[in-house]
Each structure stands twice: as C-alpha cells, then as structure tokens.
Amino acid sequence: MCTIDTICYQWQANPLHIPFCAINPTQSLSSSRHHSNFPLQVIEMAKIYNEREEKGEKESARNGGNGVEQLPSSLRWELLPKHVAVIMDGNSRWARMKGLPTWAGHEAGYRSLEEMVKLSCRWGIQVLTVYAFSFENWHRPKVEVDFLMMMIEGCLKENIECFLSEGIRLRIIGDSSSFPNSLQEVAKEAQEKTKTNSRLEFNIAISYSGRRDITQACQKIAWKVQHGLLDSADITESLIEQELETNYSTKFPCPDLLIRTSGEQRLSNFLLWQSAYTELFFTKTLWPDFGEPEYIEALCSFQQRERRFGQRIVSE
C-alpha cells in the first residue's frame, strides 16, 4: 500500500478531507461511530479496497498460499507471451464515474498493477513493462503530477523488499532527469538492489516517450559515427535496438502482447519501435477494474493469434 503521506498530500489544502487509507480496514464500515467524520467518497473507497483484500485472501487460499504457481485451465504454458506490455489507462475516468477525486483513481490503479505483477510472477511471464507516466503527462495539472511522483516514490520504497523476495528485477525507463531528486534516488536504489533478480523483469515507464527513445538512440549512433567509432554503412536495425532503453533486457526486449485499457485504441507514444510486431489487445475495462479475469482474457486472445512476422504460413 502507498504511504498515507502520499494520499495526504492531495488534501493538504483542504483539511476536511481525510484519506481513505486512514480508515482501519479491520473495522466494520457499517459502524457510523467509527466513520462519521469521513466523507462519503472516502468510505466508498474503503469499501472497494476491503472487498479486494477479501477477494485476494480467498484467491491465495484456493491456490495453496503465496508463491504457488498455478496456471488457469484456459491458459497453456507454451503459448504464453514472454513479454507483456500495458498501457494503464482510465484511472481518472474511473474516479469520476464513482464521484471520487482523481487521486483515488490513481491509487486504485496501483492496486490493479500490484495484482498484475503477482499474477505475472505466478504464471511465468518473464517481462512486464507498464506505462505509468508519459513524457506528455508533465503537462497535466501540477497538483496531479506532484501527487503521482510522490505516489510512485512511496510505492517503490515499500516494494523493494517484496521485489527482492519474489525475484523481481526492477528497471525504470524514461527521462529520469525530470524526476524529483528524491524519486531519482529511490529509483536508483531499487534498481541496484534488484539487478541480479531473474524471475520477472519489471519495467516501469516514467516520463517515457517512444519517439524520444528512438531519437536518443539515433543521437548515440551519430556521435559514434562523428568520432570515427562507427561507419554509417554499419548502421542496422539491430544496432538501433541496442541503443533503445529496453535493450538492457537480456531476455525479450520487444513485447509479444500489448494491452491497453479504457477503450482507447492507440499506442500513445509507447514502445513505438519495440511494438512493430506486437499483438495488440484493447479492452473497454478501465484500468482500476482490470483484474485476473481480464488478464486471462487478454492472454487467451494472444494464444489464439497466428504470429507470422510478415511471412506466409503454408499449411502442410
């Protein structure tokens, strides 16, 4: 869970609002004595998360506890994508539909991401890349941007030990020079501590731009040509890929499957080069509502695709 401080930040200007995470989830929400001072929207958020916690506990018990890898019957190990990418869209719309503030949508979206990471580990997905904050998102209202930066920092801090115990290797891609100094330090620490993990490569794209990624790759290659380290005739697709931000992956730098939520059907400047032959899956489900059933649906859709990579498949 994100720290209470990150939630409180949004409400510093209005002390009448109390963050929902201040509500003890073990208390009965029907008790007006405990919650009479909380806004209705805060109580509604607490209800949602209590339901999710109960569902998670039941799911864990059914699978024999944490750490047990059990693939749903509709999925096949040999047909699973190695690298899944996700455009997590719809947090703000989810919040508006429920009469909640924008920060509540981002917090709910974080919960969905937590579940996807756990499921990816359990099911043997090897690389998960998520679009958390685009380079263009810096143009959003400052209060929202500041909250997102604080939330991301808090989530990284709180999950370092989890990443270590679960074998998750964290990598931040994007223009980290734009991050607040504290976030830069936390991101650097988390990446350094998890660099030898290999169960799941977890990439978080923050201040990321697909066009910028390609541009910086070209700039690096141009510098090498200018200084006589490389001949222009030697520039190939493979060489460009080596300079992209996803190239650090020793497994699968290009996603097999890209999922976008909320009904939008575009890439929005995400992994433009890397997605040349990626299978796309669009769903109308808003990201905070994206859970295990929706993930299974996306993976089942992928399993039914015939990936030809431009070639013609001739049946025998």
C-alpha atoms as a PDB file:
ATOM      1  CA  MET A   1       0.000   0.000   0.000  1.00  0.00           C
ATOM      2  CA  CYS A   2       1.181   3.511  -0.692  1.00  0.00           C
ATOM      3  CA  THR A   3       2.079   5.634   2.301  1.00  0.00           C
ATOM      4  CA  ILE A   4      -0.561   7.758   3.963  1.00  0.00           C
ATOM      5  CA  ASP A   5       1.706  10.753   3.350  1.00  0.00           C
ATOM      6  CA  THR A   6       1.251  10.478  -0.419  1.00  0.00           C
ATOM      7  CA  ILE A   7      -2.516  10.453  -0.045  1.00  0.00           C
ATOM      8  CA  CYS A   8      -2.499  13.285   2.475  1.00  0.00           C
ATOM      9  CA  TYR A   9      -0.508  15.449   0.090  1.00  0.00           C
ATOM     10  CA  GLN A  10      -3.530  15.838  -2.160  1.00  0.00           C
ATOM     11  CA  TRP A  11      -5.600  17.099   0.755  1.00  0.00           C
ATOM     12  CA  GLN A  12      -3.196  19.468   2.439  1.00  0.00           C
ATOM     13  CA  ALA A  13      -5.148  22.429   1.140  1.00  0.00           C
ATOM     14  CA  ASN A  14      -8.405  21.027   2.479  1.00  0.00           C
ATOM     15  CA  PRO A  15      -8.226  19.537   5.996  1.00  0.00           C
ATOM     16  CA  LEU A  16     -11.875  18.478   5.846  1.00  0.00           C
ATOM     17  CA  HIS A  17     -10.926  15.559   3.636  1.00  0.00           C
ATOM     18  CA  ILE A  18      -9.258  12.548   5.250  1.00  0.00           C
ATOM     19  CA  PRO A  19      -7.510   9.915   3.076  1.00  0.00           C
ATOM     20  CA  PHE A  20      -9.336   6.604   2.897  1.00  0.00           C
ATOM     21  CA  CYS A  21      -6.258   4.645   3.933  1.00  0.00           C
ATOM     22  CA  ALA A  22      -6.594   6.225   7.392  1.00  0.00           C
ATOM     23  CA  ILE A  23      -9.632   4.001   7.884  1.00  0.00           C
ATOM     24  CA  ASN A  24      -8.727   0.790   9.631  1.00  0.00           C
ATOM     25  CA  PRO A  25      -9.731  -1.953   7.141  1.00  0.00           C
ATOM     26  CA  THR A  26     -10.416  -4.328  10.023  1.00  0.00           C
ATOM     27  CA  GLN A  27     -13.177  -2.112  11.376  1.00  0.00           C
ATOM     28  CA  SER A  28     -16.755  -2.569  10.279  1.00  0.00           C
ATOM     29  CA  LEU A  29     -17.674   0.018   7.669  1.00  0.00           C
ATOM     30  CA  SER A  30     -21.248  -0.050   8.908  1.00  0.00           C
ATOM     31  CA  SER A  31     -20.164   1.480  12.181  1.00  0.00           C
ATOM     32  CA  SER A  32     -21.131   5.137  11.980  1.00  0.00           C
ATOM     33  CA  ARG A  33     -19.381   5.694  15.320  1.00  0.00           C
ATOM     34  CA  HIS A  34     -16.007   4.981  13.696  1.00  0.00           C
ATOM     35  CA  HIS A  35     -16.592   6.684  10.358  1.00  0.00           C
ATOM     36  CA  SER A  36     -18.986   9.560  10.925  1.00  0.00           C
ATOM     37  CA  ASN A  37     -16.148  12.041  10.359  1.00  0.00           C
ATOM     38  CA  PHE A  38     -15.142  10.632   6.978  1.00  0.00           C
ATOM     39  CA  PRO A  39     -16.518  11.941   3.656  1.00  0.00           C
ATOM     40  CA  LEU A  40     -18.819   9.524   1.856  1.00  0.00           C
ATOM     41  CA  GLN A  41     -16.381   9.210  -1.051  1.00  0.00           C
ATOM     42  CA  VAL A  42     -13.641   8.104   1.363  1.00  0.00           C
ATOM     43  CA  ILE A  43     -15.892   5.461   2.907  1.00  0.00           C
ATOM     44  CA  GLU A  44     -16.804   4.235  -0.588  1.00  0.00           C
ATOM     45  CA  MET A  45     -13.125   3.823  -1.447  1.00  0.00           C
ATOM     46  CA  ALA A  46     -12.541   1.897   1.779  1.00  0.00           C
ATOM     47  CA  LYS A  47     -15.380  -0.466   0.879  1.00  0.00           C
ATOM     48  CA  ILE A  48     -13.869  -1.115  -2.541  1.00  0.00           C
ATOM     49  CA  TYR A  49     -10.450  -1.955  -1.123  1.00  0.00           C
ATOM     50  CA  ASN A  50     -11.820  -4.111   1.674  1.00  0.00           C
ATOM     51  CA  GLU A  51     -13.651  -6.174  -0.944  1.00  0.00           C
ATOM     52  CA  ARG A  52     -10.455  -6.509  -2.975  1.00  0.00           C
ATOM     53  CA  GLU A  53      -8.448  -7.594   0.076  1.00  0.00           C
ATOM     54  CA  GLU A  54     -11.032 -10.264   0.902  1.00  0.00           C
ATOM     55  CA  LYS A  55     -11.027 -11.486  -2.699  1.00  0.00           C
ATOM     56  CA  GLY A  56      -7.223 -11.657  -2.694  1.00  0.00           C
ATOM     57  CA  GLU A  57      -7.137 -13.672   0.517  1.00  0.00           C
ATOM     58  CA  LYS A  58      -9.646 -16.181  -0.847  1.00  0.00           C
ATOM     59  CA  GLU A  59      -7.703 -16.499  -4.096  1.00  0.00           C
ATOM     60  CA  SER A  60      -4.461 -17.089  -2.231  1.00  0.00           C
ATOM     61  CA  ALA A  61      -6.048 -19.776  -0.068  1.00  0.00           C
ATOM     62  CA  ARG A  62      -7.504 -21.507  -3.120  1.00  0.00           C
ATOM     63  CA  ASN A  63      -4.089 -21.603  -4.783  1.00  0.00           C
ATOM     64  CA  GLY A  64      -2.422 -23.001  -1.689  1.00  0.00           C
ATOM     65  CA  GLY A  65      -0.919 -19.767  -0.447  1.00  0.00           C
ATOM     66  CA  ASN A  66       1.556 -17.219  -1.816  1.00  0.00           C
ATOM     67  CA  GLY A  67       4.281 -18.298  -4.204  1.00  0.00           C
ATOM     68  CA  VAL A  68       2.404 -21.251  -5.702  1.00  0.00           C
ATOM     69  CA  GLU A  69       2.444 -21.041  -9.475  1.00  0.00           C
ATOM     70  CA  GLN A  70      -0.838 -22.341 -10.827  1.00  0.00           C
ATOM     71  CA  LEU A  71      -1.925 -21.629 -14.379  1.00  0.00           C
ATOM     72  CA  PRO A  72      -5.654 -21.193 -15.077  1.00  0.00           C
ATOM     73  CA  SER A  73      -7.109 -24.074 -17.082  1.00  0.00           C
ATOM     74  CA  SER A  74      -7.769 -21.832 -20.097  1.00  0.00           C
ATOM     75  CA  LEU A  75      -4.078 -20.954 -20.490  1.00  0.00           C
ATOM     76  CA  ARG A  76      -1.201 -23.040 -21.826  1.00  0.00           C
ATOM     77  CA  TRP A  77       2.379 -22.538 -20.689  1.00  0.00           C
ATOM     78  CA  GLU A  78       3.896 -22.967 -24.151  1.00  0.00           C
ATOM     79  CA  LEU A  79       1.596 -20.337 -25.683  1.00  0.00           C
ATOM     80  CA  LEU A  80       2.021 -17.605 -23.098  1.00  0.00           C
ATOM     81  CA  PRO A  81       3.701 -14.348 -24.188  1.00  0.00           C
ATOM     82  CA  LYS A  82       7.198 -13.875 -22.826  1.00  0.00           C
ATOM     83  CA  HIS A  83       6.890 -10.095 -22.618  1.00  0.00           C
ATOM     84  CA  VAL A  84       3.646  -8.285 -21.773  1.00  0.00           C
ATOM     85  CA  ALA A  85       3.335  -4.501 -22.055  1.00  0.00           C
ATOM     86  CA  VAL A  86       0.452  -2.495 -20.593  1.00  0.00           C
ATOM     87  CA  ILE A  87      -0.914   0.998 -21.192  1.00  0.00           C
ATOM     88  CA  MET A  88      -2.721   1.549 -17.897  1.00  0.00           C
ATOM     89  CA  ASP A  89      -5.496   3.912 -18.963  1.00  0.00           C
ATOM     90  CA  GLY A  90      -8.716   5.053 -17.319  1.00  0.00           C
ATOM     91  CA  ASN A  91      -7.818   5.947 -13.730  1.00  0.00           C
ATOM     92  CA  SER A  92      -9.316   9.432 -13.859  1.00  0.00           C
ATOM     93  CA  ARG A  93     -12.480   8.273 -15.626  1.00  0.00           C
ATOM     94  CA  TRP A  94     -12.916   5.516 -13.071  1.00  0.00           C
ATOM     95  CA  ALA A  95     -12.722   8.070 -10.274  1.00  0.00           C
ATOM     96  CA  ARG A  96     -15.168  10.479 -11.953  1.00  0.00           C
ATOM     97  CA  MET A  97     -17.699   7.699 -12.547  1.00  0.00           C
ATOM     98  CA  LYS A  98     -17.660   6.939  -8.822  1.00  0.00           C
ATOM     99  CA  GLY A  99     -17.748  10.561  -7.732  1.00  0.00           C
ATOM    100  CA  LEU A 100     -14.227  10.299  -6.343  1.00  0.00           C
ATOM    101  CA  PRO A 101     -11.194  12.601  -6.667  1.00  0.00           C
ATOM    102  CA  THR A 102      -8.565  11.902  -9.305  1.00  0.00           C
ATOM    103  CA  TRP A 103      -6.011  10.667  -6.758  1.00  0.00           C
ATOM    104  CA  ALA A 104      -8.404   7.890  -5.771  1.00  0.00           C
ATOM    105  CA  GLY A 105      -8.342   6.607  -9.345  1.00  0.00           C
ATOM    106  CA  HIS A 106      -4.543   6.536  -9.374  1.00  0.00           C
ATOM    107  CA  GLU A 107      -4.495   4.721  -6.037  1.00  0.00           C
ATOM    108  CA  ALA A 108      -6.999   2.167  -7.363  1.00  0.00           C
ATOM    109  CA  GLY A 109      -4.868   1.767 -10.478  1.00  0.00           C
ATOM    110  CA  TYR A 110      -1.866   0.976  -8.315  1.00  0.00           C
ATOM    111  CA  ARG A 111      -3.865  -1.847  -6.733  1.00  0.00           C
ATOM    112  CA  SER A 112      -4.532  -3.326 -10.165  1.00  0.00           C
ATOM    113  CA  LEU A 113      -0.847  -3.111 -11.005  1.00  0.00           C
ATOM    114  CA  GLU A 114       0.055  -4.934  -7.796  1.00  0.00           C
ATOM    115  CA  GLU A 115      -2.238  -7.784  -8.791  1.00  0.00           C
ATOM    116  CA  MET A 116      -0.882  -7.951 -12.341  1.00  0.00           C
ATOM    117  CA  VAL A 117       2.693  -8.193 -11.069  1.00  0.00           C
ATOM    118  CA  LYS A 118       1.725 -11.042  -8.732  1.00  0.00           C
ATOM    119  CA  LEU A 119      -0.143 -12.899 -11.466  1.00  0.00           C
ATOM    120  CA  SER A 120       2.708 -12.413 -13.939  1.00  0.00           C
ATOM    121  CA  CYS A 121       5.138 -13.958 -11.447  1.00  0.00           C
ATOM    122  CA  ARG A 122       2.776 -16.824 -10.698  1.00  0.00           C
ATOM    123  CA  TRP A 123       2.077 -17.615 -14.348  1.00  0.00           C
ATOM    124  CA  GLY A 124       5.637 -17.393 -15.616  1.00  0.00           C
ATOM    125  CA  ILE A 125       5.503 -14.151 -17.613  1.00  0.00           C
ATOM    126  CA  GLN A 126       9.156 -13.180 -17.933  1.00  0.00           C
ATOM    127  CA  VAL A 127       8.966  -9.460 -18.730  1.00  0.00           C
ATOM    128  CA  LEU A 128       6.268  -6.939 -17.759  1.00  0.00           C
ATOM    129  CA  THR A 129       6.504  -3.343 -18.994  1.00  0.00           C
ATOM    130  CA  VAL A 130       3.931  -0.786 -17.851  1.00  0.00           C
ATOM    131  CA  TYR A 131       3.286   2.783 -18.978  1.00  0.00           C
ATOM    132  CA  ALA A 132       2.987   4.682 -15.696  1.00  0.00           C
ATOM    133  CA  PHE A 133       3.640   8.273 -16.802  1.00  0.00           C
ATOM    134  CA  SER A 134       4.277   9.551 -20.308  1.00  0.00           C
ATOM    135  CA  PHE A 135       6.586  12.422 -21.205  1.00  0.00           C
ATOM    136  CA  GLU A 136       3.483  14.351 -22.275  1.00  0.00           C
ATOM    137  CA  ASN A 137       1.893  13.833 -18.851  1.00  0.00           C
ATOM    138  CA  TRP A 138       4.103  16.578 -17.448  1.00  0.00           C
ATOM    139  CA  HIS A 139       1.548  18.988 -18.957  1.00  0.00           C
ATOM    140  CA  ARG A 140      -1.165  17.794 -16.555  1.00  0.00           C
ATOM    141  CA  PRO A 141      -2.148  19.961 -13.552  1.00  0.00           C
ATOM    142  CA  LYS A 142       0.798  20.379 -11.190  1.00  0.00           C
ATOM    143  CA  VAL A 143      -1.083  19.051  -8.172  1.00  0.00           C
ATOM    144  CA  GLU A 144      -1.810  15.800 -10.023  1.00  0.00           C
ATOM    145  CA  VAL A 145       1.762  15.456 -11.284  1.00  0.00           C
ATOM    146  CA  ASP A 146       3.205  16.113  -7.814  1.00  0.00           C
ATOM    147  CA  PHE A 147       0.879  13.524  -6.310  1.00  0.00           C
ATOM    148  CA  LEU A 148       1.829  10.918  -8.922  1.00  0.00           C
ATOM    149  CA  MET A 149       5.532  11.491  -8.328  1.00  0.00           C
ATOM    150  CA  MET A 150       5.051  11.096  -4.576  1.00  0.00           C
ATOM    151  CA  MET A 151       2.904   8.010  -5.048  1.00  0.00           C
ATOM    152  CA  ILE A 152       5.439   6.350  -7.350  1.00  0.00           C
ATOM    153  CA  GLU A 153       8.242   7.120  -4.918  1.00  0.00           C
ATOM    154  CA  GLY A 154       6.279   5.728  -1.980  1.00  0.00           C
ATOM    155  CA  CYS A 155       5.341   2.578  -3.874  1.00  0.00           C
ATOM    156  CA  LEU A 156       8.947   1.914  -4.899  1.00  0.00           C
ATOM    157  CA  LYS A 157      10.142   2.320  -1.321  1.00  0.00           C
ATOM    158  CA  GLU A 158       7.535  -0.015   0.080  1.00  0.00           C
ATOM    159  CA  ASN A 159       8.042  -2.720  -2.535  1.00  0.00           C
ATOM    160  CA  ILE A 160      11.827  -3.091  -2.621  1.00  0.00           C
ATOM    161  CA  GLU A 161      11.769  -5.943  -0.099  1.00  0.00           C
ATOM    162  CA  CYS A 162       8.903  -7.592  -1.990  1.00  0.00           C
ATOM    163  CA  PHE A 163      10.860  -7.356  -5.243  1.00  0.00           C
ATOM    164  CA  LEU A 164      13.836  -8.997  -3.564  1.00  0.00           C
ATOM    165  CA  SER A 165      11.847 -11.838  -2.001  1.00  0.00           C
ATOM    166  CA  GLU A 166       9.861 -12.529  -5.191  1.00  0.00           C
ATOM    167  CA  GLY A 167      12.857 -12.372  -7.529  1.00  0.00           C
ATOM    168  CA  ILE A 168      11.642  -9.289  -9.411  1.00  0.00           C
ATOM    169  CA  ARG A 169      14.169  -7.173 -11.272  1.00  0.00           C
ATOM    170  CA  LEU A 170      13.064  -3.544 -11.463  1.00  0.00           C
ATOM    171  CA  ARG A 171      14.003  -1.176 -14.245  1.00  0.00           C
ATOM    172  CA  ILE A 172      12.840   2.410 -14.782  1.00  0.00           C
ATOM    173  CA  ILE A 173      12.796   3.601 -18.397  1.00  0.00           C
ATOM    174  CA  GLY A 174      12.232   7.198 -19.436  1.00  0.00           C
ATOM    175  CA  ASP A 175      13.776  10.603 -18.815  1.00  0.00           C
ATOM    176  CA  SER A 176      14.764  10.210 -15.174  1.00  0.00           C
ATOM    177  CA  SER A 177      16.442  13.633 -15.163  1.00  0.00           C
ATOM    178  CA  SER A 178      12.946  15.129 -14.941  1.00  0.00           C
ATOM    179  CA  PHE A 179      12.140  13.258 -11.710  1.00  0.00           C
ATOM    180  CA  PRO A 180      12.239  14.956  -8.311  1.00  0.00           C
ATOM    181  CA  ASN A 181      15.623  14.306  -6.684  1.00  0.00           C
ATOM    182  CA  SER A 182      14.132  12.035  -4.031  1.00  0.00           C
ATOM    183  CA  LEU A 183      12.462   9.854  -6.667  1.00  0.00           C
ATOM    184  CA  GLN A 184      15.715   9.646  -8.640  1.00  0.00           C
ATOM    185  CA  GLU A 185      17.493   8.344  -5.534  1.00  0.00           C
ATOM    186  CA  VAL A 186      14.793   5.802  -4.674  1.00  0.00           C
ATOM    187  CA  ALA A 187      14.623   4.554  -8.268  1.00  0.00           C
ATOM    188  CA  LYS A 188      18.396   4.166  -8.410  1.00  0.00           C
ATOM    189  CA  GLU A 189      18.451   2.259  -5.117  1.00  0.00           C
ATOM    190  CA  ALA A 190      15.620  -0.081  -6.133  1.00  0.00           C
ATOM    191  CA  GLN A 191      17.218  -0.875  -9.474  1.00  0.00           C
ATOM    192  CA  GLU A 192      20.619  -1.503  -7.910  1.00  0.00           C
ATOM    193  CA  LYS A 193      19.269  -3.817  -5.207  1.00  0.00           C
ATOM    194  CA  THR A 194      17.203  -5.915  -7.628  1.00  0.00           C
ATOM    195  CA  LYS A 195      19.605  -6.068 -10.575  1.00  0.00           C
ATOM    196  CA  THR A 196      20.520  -9.731 -10.045  1.00  0.00           C
ATOM    197  CA  ASN A 197      16.906 -10.967  -9.814  1.00  0.00           C
ATOM    198  CA  SER A 198      15.617 -13.022 -12.718  1.00  0.00           C
ATOM    199  CA  ARG A 199      12.099 -14.340 -12.047  1.00  0.00           C
ATOM    200  CA  LEU A 200      10.388 -11.305 -13.600  1.00  0.00           C
ATOM    201  CA  GLU A 201      11.816  -8.260 -15.347  1.00  0.00           C
ATOM    202  CA  PHE A 202       9.503  -5.441 -14.291  1.00  0.00           C
ATOM    203  CA  ASN A 203       9.896  -2.251 -16.343  1.00  0.00           C
ATOM    204  CA  ILE A 204       8.120   0.939 -15.308  1.00  0.00           C
ATOM    205  CA  ALA A 205       7.999   3.643 -17.985  1.00  0.00           C
ATOM    206  CA  ILE A 206       8.020   7.052 -16.288  1.00  0.00           C
ATOM    207  CA  SER A 207       8.440  10.270 -18.279  1.00  0.00           C
ATOM    208  CA  TYR A 208       8.745   7.957 -21.257  1.00  0.00           C
ATOM    209  CA  SER A 209       8.343   8.802 -24.950  1.00  0.00           C
ATOM    210  CA  GLY A 210       8.701   6.274 -27.745  1.00  0.00           C
ATOM    211  CA  ARG A 211       9.782   8.994 -30.174  1.00  0.00           C
ATOM    212  CA  ARG A 212      12.328  10.302 -27.693  1.00  0.00           C
ATOM    213  CA  ASP A 213      13.628   6.767 -27.188  1.00  0.00           C
ATOM    214  CA  ILE A 214      14.286   6.390 -30.909  1.00  0.00           C
ATOM    215  CA  THR A 215      15.750   9.892 -31.117  1.00  0.00           C
ATOM    216  CA  GLN A 216      18.239   9.342 -28.299  1.00  0.00           C
ATOM    217  CA  ALA A 217      19.288   6.046 -29.901  1.00  0.00           C
ATOM    218  CA  CYS A 218      19.993   7.855 -33.187  1.00  0.00           C
ATOM    219  CA  GLN A 219      21.921  10.567 -31.358  1.00  0.00           C
ATOM    220  CA  LYS A 220      24.178   7.985 -29.697  1.00  0.00           C
ATOM    221  CA  ILE A 221      24.857   6.311 -33.034  1.00  0.00           C
ATOM    222  CA  ALA A 222      25.508   9.678 -34.736  1.00  0.00           C
ATOM    223  CA  TRP A 223      28.047  10.517 -32.017  1.00  0.00           C
ATOM    224  CA  LYS A 224      29.884   7.246 -32.682  1.00  0.00           C
ATOM    225  CA  VAL A 225      29.945   7.954 -36.427  1.00  0.00           C
ATOM    226  CA  GLN A 226      31.154  11.520 -35.805  1.00  0.00           C
ATOM    227  CA  HIS A 227      34.041  10.299 -33.655  1.00  0.00           C
ATOM    228  CA  GLY A 228      35.069   7.567 -36.053  1.00  0.00           C
ATOM    229  CA  LEU A 229      33.903   4.694 -33.843  1.00  0.00           C
ATOM    230  CA  LEU A 230      31.352   3.542 -36.381  1.00  0.00           C
ATOM    231  CA  ASP A 231      30.826   3.747 -40.125  1.00  0.00           C
ATOM    232  CA  SER A 232      27.441   4.918 -41.358  1.00  0.00           C
ATOM    233  CA  ALA A 233      27.220   1.808 -43.550  1.00  0.00           C
ATOM    234  CA  ASP A 234      27.278  -0.304 -40.381  1.00  0.00           C
ATOM    235  CA  ILE A 235      24.041   1.161 -39.016  1.00  0.00           C
ATOM    236  CA  THR A 236      21.424  -1.591 -38.887  1.00  0.00           C
ATOM    237  CA  GLU A 237      18.117  -2.238 -37.148  1.00  0.00           C
ATOM    238  CA  SER A 238      19.961  -4.389 -34.664  1.00  0.00           C
ATOM    239  CA  LEU A 239      22.360  -1.558 -33.887  1.00  0.00           C
ATOM    240  CA  ILE A 240      19.491   0.863 -33.255  1.00  0.00           C
ATOM    241  CA  GLU A 241      17.792  -1.674 -30.977  1.00  0.00           C
ATOM    242  CA  GLN A 242      20.968  -1.884 -28.920  1.00  0.00           C
ATOM    243  CA  GLU A 243      20.666   1.808 -28.095  1.00  0.00           C
ATOM    244  CA  LEU A 244      16.983   1.743 -27.079  1.00  0.00           C
ATOM    245  CA  GLU A 245      16.053   1.952 -23.408  1.00  0.00           C
ATOM    246  CA  THR A 246      14.623  -1.561 -23.390  1.00  0.00           C
ATOM    247  CA  ASN A 247      17.833  -3.136 -24.678  1.00  0.00           C
ATOM    248  CA  TYR A 248      19.116  -3.826 -21.159  1.00  0.00           C
ATOM    249  CA  SER A 249      16.700  -6.769 -21.095  1.00  0.00           C
ATOM    250  CA  THR A 250      18.681  -9.949 -21.546  1.00  0.00           C
ATOM    251  CA  LYS A 251      15.521 -11.890 -22.365  1.00  0.00           C
ATOM    252  CA  PHE A 252      12.879 -10.290 -24.543  1.00  0.00           C
ATOM    253  CA  PRO A 253      13.238  -6.534 -25.202  1.00  0.00           C
ATOM    254  CA  CYS A 254      10.202  -6.421 -27.520  1.00  0.00           C
ATOM    255  CA  PRO A 255       6.705  -7.143 -26.155  1.00  0.00           C
ATOM    256  CA  ASP A 256       4.749 -10.086 -27.535  1.00  0.00           C
ATOM    257  CA  LEU A 257       1.473  -8.673 -26.238  1.00  0.00           C
ATOM    258  CA  LEU A 258       0.442  -5.090 -25.531  1.00  0.00           C
ATOM    259  CA  ILE A 259      -2.718  -4.474 -23.518  1.00  0.00           C
ATOM    260  CA  ARG A 260      -4.496  -1.136 -23.432  1.00  0.00           C
ATOM    261  CA  THR A 261      -7.435  -0.497 -21.154  1.00  0.00           C
ATOM    262  CA  SER A 262     -10.345   2.020 -21.149  1.00  0.00           C
ATOM    263  CA  GLY A 263     -11.457   1.557 -24.764  1.00  0.00           C
ATOM    264  CA  GLU A 264      -8.806   3.723 -26.414  1.00  0.00           C
ATOM    265  CA  GLN A 265      -7.123   2.098 -29.417  1.00  0.00           C
ATOM    266  CA  ARG A 266      -3.757   3.734 -29.916  1.00  0.00           C
ATOM    267  CA  LEU A 267      -0.166   3.373 -28.710  1.00  0.00           C
ATOM    268  CA  SER A 268       0.141   6.918 -27.337  1.00  0.00           C
ATOM    269  CA  ASN A 269       3.885   7.124 -27.994  1.00  0.00           C
ATOM    270  CA  PHE A 270       4.659   3.917 -26.079  1.00  0.00           C
ATOM    271  CA  LEU A 271       7.339   1.451 -27.263  1.00  0.00           C
ATOM    272  CA  LEU A 272       6.915   2.524 -30.881  1.00  0.00           C
ATOM    273  CA  TRP A 273       9.952   0.692 -32.274  1.00  0.00           C
ATOM    274  CA  GLN A 274       9.619  -2.297 -29.982  1.00  0.00           C
ATOM    275  CA  SER A 275       5.951  -2.888 -30.892  1.00  0.00           C
ATOM    276  CA  ALA A 276       6.490  -3.395 -34.620  1.00  0.00           C
ATOM    277  CA  TYR A 277       5.183  -6.980 -34.437  1.00  0.00           C
ATOM    278  CA  THR A 278       3.464  -6.902 -31.083  1.00  0.00           C
ATOM    279  CA  GLU A 279      -0.028  -8.380 -30.769  1.00  0.00           C
ATOM    280  CA  LEU A 280      -2.449  -5.697 -29.548  1.00  0.00           C
ATOM    281  CA  PHE A 281      -5.345  -6.246 -27.147  1.00  0.00           C
ATOM    282  CA  PHE A 282      -7.804  -3.450 -26.417  1.00  0.00           C
ATOM    283  CA  THR A 283     -10.438  -3.619 -23.710  1.00  0.00           C
ATOM    284  CA  LYS A 284     -13.112  -1.167 -22.560  1.00  0.00           C
ATOM    285  CA  THR A 285     -12.373  -2.073 -18.952  1.00  0.00           C
ATOM    286  CA  LEU A 286     -10.934   0.872 -17.030  1.00  0.00           C
ATOM    287  CA  TRP A 287      -7.538   0.113 -15.538  1.00  0.00           C
ATOM    288  CA  PRO A 288      -8.631   0.094 -11.851  1.00  0.00           C
ATOM    289  CA  ASP A 289     -11.175  -2.624 -12.751  1.00  0.00           C
ATOM    290  CA  PHE A 290      -8.622  -4.723 -14.641  1.00  0.00           C
ATOM    291  CA  GLY A 291      -8.020  -7.873 -12.636  1.00  0.00           C
ATOM    292  CA  GLU A 292      -7.391 -11.574 -13.031  1.00  0.00           C
ATOM    293  CA  PRO A 293     -10.399 -12.337 -15.318  1.00  0.00           C
ATOM    294  CA  GLU A 294      -9.432  -9.517 -17.678  1.00  0.00           C
ATOM    295  CA  TYR A 295      -5.774 -10.566 -17.706  1.00  0.00           C
ATOM    296  CA  ILE A 296      -6.780 -14.135 -18.534  1.00  0.00           C
ATOM    297  CA  GLU A 297      -8.998 -12.845 -21.358  1.00  0.00           C
ATOM    298  CA  ALA A 298      -6.080 -10.906 -22.860  1.00  0.00           C
ATOM    299  CA  LEU A 299      -3.733 -13.891 -22.597  1.00  0.00           C
ATOM    300  CA  CYS A 300      -6.344 -16.228 -24.115  1.00  0.00           C
ATOM    301  CA  SER A 301      -6.744 -13.815 -27.023  1.00  0.00           C
ATOM    302  CA  PHE A 302      -2.971 -13.851 -27.543  1.00  0.00           C
ATOM    303  CA  GLN A 303      -2.904 -17.655 -27.558  1.00  0.00           C
ATOM    304  CA  GLN A 304      -5.352 -17.667 -30.463  1.00  0.00           C
ATOM    305  CA  ARG A 305      -3.265 -15.356 -32.646  1.00  0.00           C
ATOM    306  CA  GLU A 306      -1.171 -16.650 -35.551  1.00  0.00           C
ATOM    307  CA  ARG A 307       2.088 -14.732 -35.425  1.00  0.00           C
ATOM    308  CA  ARG A 308       3.622 -14.653 -38.904  1.00  0.00           C
ATOM    309  CA  PHE A 309       6.034 -11.697 -38.611  1.00  0.00           C
ATOM    310  CA  GLY A 310       5.394 -10.813 -42.255  1.00  0.00           C
ATOM    311  CA  GLN A 311       5.834 -14.340 -43.538  1.00  0.00           C
ATOM    312  CA  ARG A 312       3.258 -16.514 -45.237  1.00  0.00           C
ATOM    313  CA  ILE A 313       2.380 -19.670 -43.351  1.00  0.00           C
ATOM    314  CA  VAL A 314       1.786 -22.620 -45.656  1.00  0.00           C
ATOM    315  CA  SER A 315      -0.228 -25.411 -44.073  1.00  0.00           C
ATOM    316  CA  GLU A 316       1.011 -28.905 -44.697  1.00  0.00           C
END
